[in-house]
């Protein structure tokens, strides 16, 4: 049932345009627009950059496994996922959701006059 950080890394990097960078001395995964996941230095978890509705959805789907981060980060929608208690399907789904929120916004089409 547990998911390893190596598995998370592989799944995150398989997402469209995702790269690994260092952010505040920790591994982070980002698109060209923004970071969508980070690994805390000492814990078997992944922090996911959701918006509040997505955070609420995953916290309701996996209570005790996905939880809001404390303080302002949590109020903005960020959540942590306990990899020791998570299953692969949950983590992959959460990564895909965070990644989708971090993708570049499509440019508005201009109409010819």
Protein backbone atom coordinates (compact mmCIF):
# COMPACT_ATOMS: atom_id res chain seq x y z
CA UNK A 1 0.00 0.00 0.00
CA UNK A 2 2.85 2.46 0.69
CA UNK A 3 4.26 4.55 -2.12
CA UNK A 4 7.95 5.46 -2.34
CA UNK A 5 9.41 8.86 -3.16
CA UNK A 6 11.11 7.21 -6.15
CA UNK A 7 7.71 6.15 -7.50
CA UNK A 8 6.33 9.67 -6.99
CA UNK A 9 9.36 11.15 -8.75
CA UNK A 10 8.86 8.85 -11.75
CA UNK A 11 5.15 9.61 -12.01
CA UNK A 12 5.68 13.36 -11.65
CA UNK A 13 8.40 13.48 -14.29
CA UNK A 14 6.25 11.47 -16.71
CA UNK A 15 3.67 14.28 -16.77
CA UNK A 16 3.70 16.66 -19.73
CA UNK A 17 6.44 19.30 -19.44
CA UNK A 18 7.34 18.38 -15.85
CA UNK A 19 10.88 18.87 -14.60
CA UNK A 20 12.57 18.45 -11.25
CA UNK A 21 14.12 21.53 -9.64
CA UNK A 22 15.44 22.47 -6.21
CA UNK A 23 13.11 24.77 -4.28
CA UNK A 24 14.12 25.95 -0.80
CA UNK A 25 16.58 23.05 -0.49
CA UNK A 26 14.01 20.42 -1.41
CA UNK A 27 13.13 18.54 -4.58
CA UNK A 28 10.22 20.09 -6.42
CA UNK A 29 8.36 19.29 -9.62
CA UNK A 30 7.17 22.04 -11.90
CA UNK A 31 5.77 22.95 -15.27
CA UNK A 32 7.00 26.00 -17.15
CA UNK A 33 4.40 27.96 -15.18
CA UNK A 34 4.74 26.84 -11.56
CA UNK A 35 5.56 24.15 -8.99
CA UNK A 36 2.95 21.44 -8.48
CA UNK A 37 4.61 19.14 -5.90
CA UNK A 38 7.50 19.13 -3.42
CA UNK A 39 9.14 16.61 -1.10
CA UNK A 40 9.66 17.75 2.50
CA UNK A 41 13.20 16.94 3.65
CA UNK A 42 12.49 14.55 6.52
CA UNK A 43 9.09 13.00 5.91
CA UNK A 44 7.65 10.24 3.74
CA UNK A 45 5.15 12.57 2.13
CA UNK A 46 4.62 14.74 -0.90
CA UNK A 47 3.20 18.25 -0.75
CA UNK A 48 0.74 19.01 -3.53
CA UNK A 49 -0.11 22.47 -4.82
CA UNK A 50 -3.88 22.33 -5.23
CA UNK A 51 -6.49 25.06 -5.30
CA UNK A 52 -9.00 25.01 -2.37
CA UNK A 53 -11.73 22.98 -4.17
CA UNK A 54 -9.24 20.32 -5.30
CA UNK A 55 -7.70 20.19 -1.83
CA UNK A 56 -11.14 19.69 -0.29
CA UNK A 57 -11.94 16.89 -2.75
CA UNK A 58 -8.76 14.91 -2.02
CA UNK A 59 -9.00 15.47 1.75
CA UNK A 60 -12.57 14.11 1.68
CA UNK A 61 -11.60 11.15 -0.53
CA UNK A 62 -8.63 10.14 1.63
CA UNK A 63 -9.05 11.40 5.21
CA UNK A 64 -5.94 10.81 7.28
CA UNK A 65 -3.86 10.37 4.13
CA UNK A 66 -4.29 13.77 2.46
CA UNK A 67 -4.51 16.83 4.73
CA UNK A 68 -4.20 20.59 4.33
CA UNK A 69 -0.78 22.03 5.10
CA UNK A 70 -0.77 24.15 8.25
CA UNK A 71 -1.21 27.91 8.11
CA UNK A 72 -1.52 30.06 5.03
CA UNK A 73 -0.31 27.38 2.62
CA UNK A 74 -3.21 25.16 3.63
CA UNK A 75 -5.69 28.02 3.34
CA UNK A 76 -4.47 28.56 -0.25
CA UNK A 77 -5.16 24.90 -1.09
CA UNK A 78 -1.82 23.16 -0.53
CA UNK A 79 -1.98 19.65 0.96
CA UNK A 80 0.32 16.90 2.14
CA UNK A 81 -0.08 13.25 1.23
CA UNK A 82 1.28 10.61 3.62
CA UNK A 83 3.09 8.16 1.34
CA UNK A 84 3.19 5.43 4.00
CA UNK A 85 -0.63 5.34 4.04
CA UNK A 86 -1.39 6.20 0.40
CA UNK A 87 -1.94 3.85 -2.49
CA UNK A 88 -0.57 4.32 -5.99
CA UNK A 89 -3.91 5.24 -7.55
CA UNK A 90 -4.50 8.06 -5.07
CA UNK A 91 -1.00 9.53 -5.45
CA UNK A 92 -1.07 9.37 -9.24
CA UNK A 93 -4.49 11.00 -9.33
CA UNK A 94 -3.41 13.74 -6.93
CA UNK A 95 -0.23 14.42 -8.92
CA UNK A 96 -2.22 14.65 -12.15
CA UNK A 97 -4.66 17.10 -10.55
CA UNK A 98 -1.88 19.31 -9.15
CA UNK A 99 -0.04 19.15 -12.49
CA UNK A 100 -3.17 20.18 -14.41
CA UNK A 101 -3.52 23.25 -12.18
CA UNK A 102 0.13 24.18 -12.87
CA UNK A 103 0.00 23.92 -16.66
CA UNK A 104 0.35 27.14 -18.63
CA UNK A 105 -2.95 28.81 -19.33
CA UNK A 106 -3.97 28.60 -22.98
CA UNK A 107 -3.64 31.86 -24.84
CA UNK A 108 -6.86 33.49 -25.92
CA UNK A 109 -7.44 33.21 -29.63
CA UNK A 110 -7.43 36.48 -31.45
CA UNK A 111 -10.05 37.03 -34.05
CA UNK A 112 -9.26 38.84 -37.27
CA UNK A 113 -11.00 42.12 -37.82
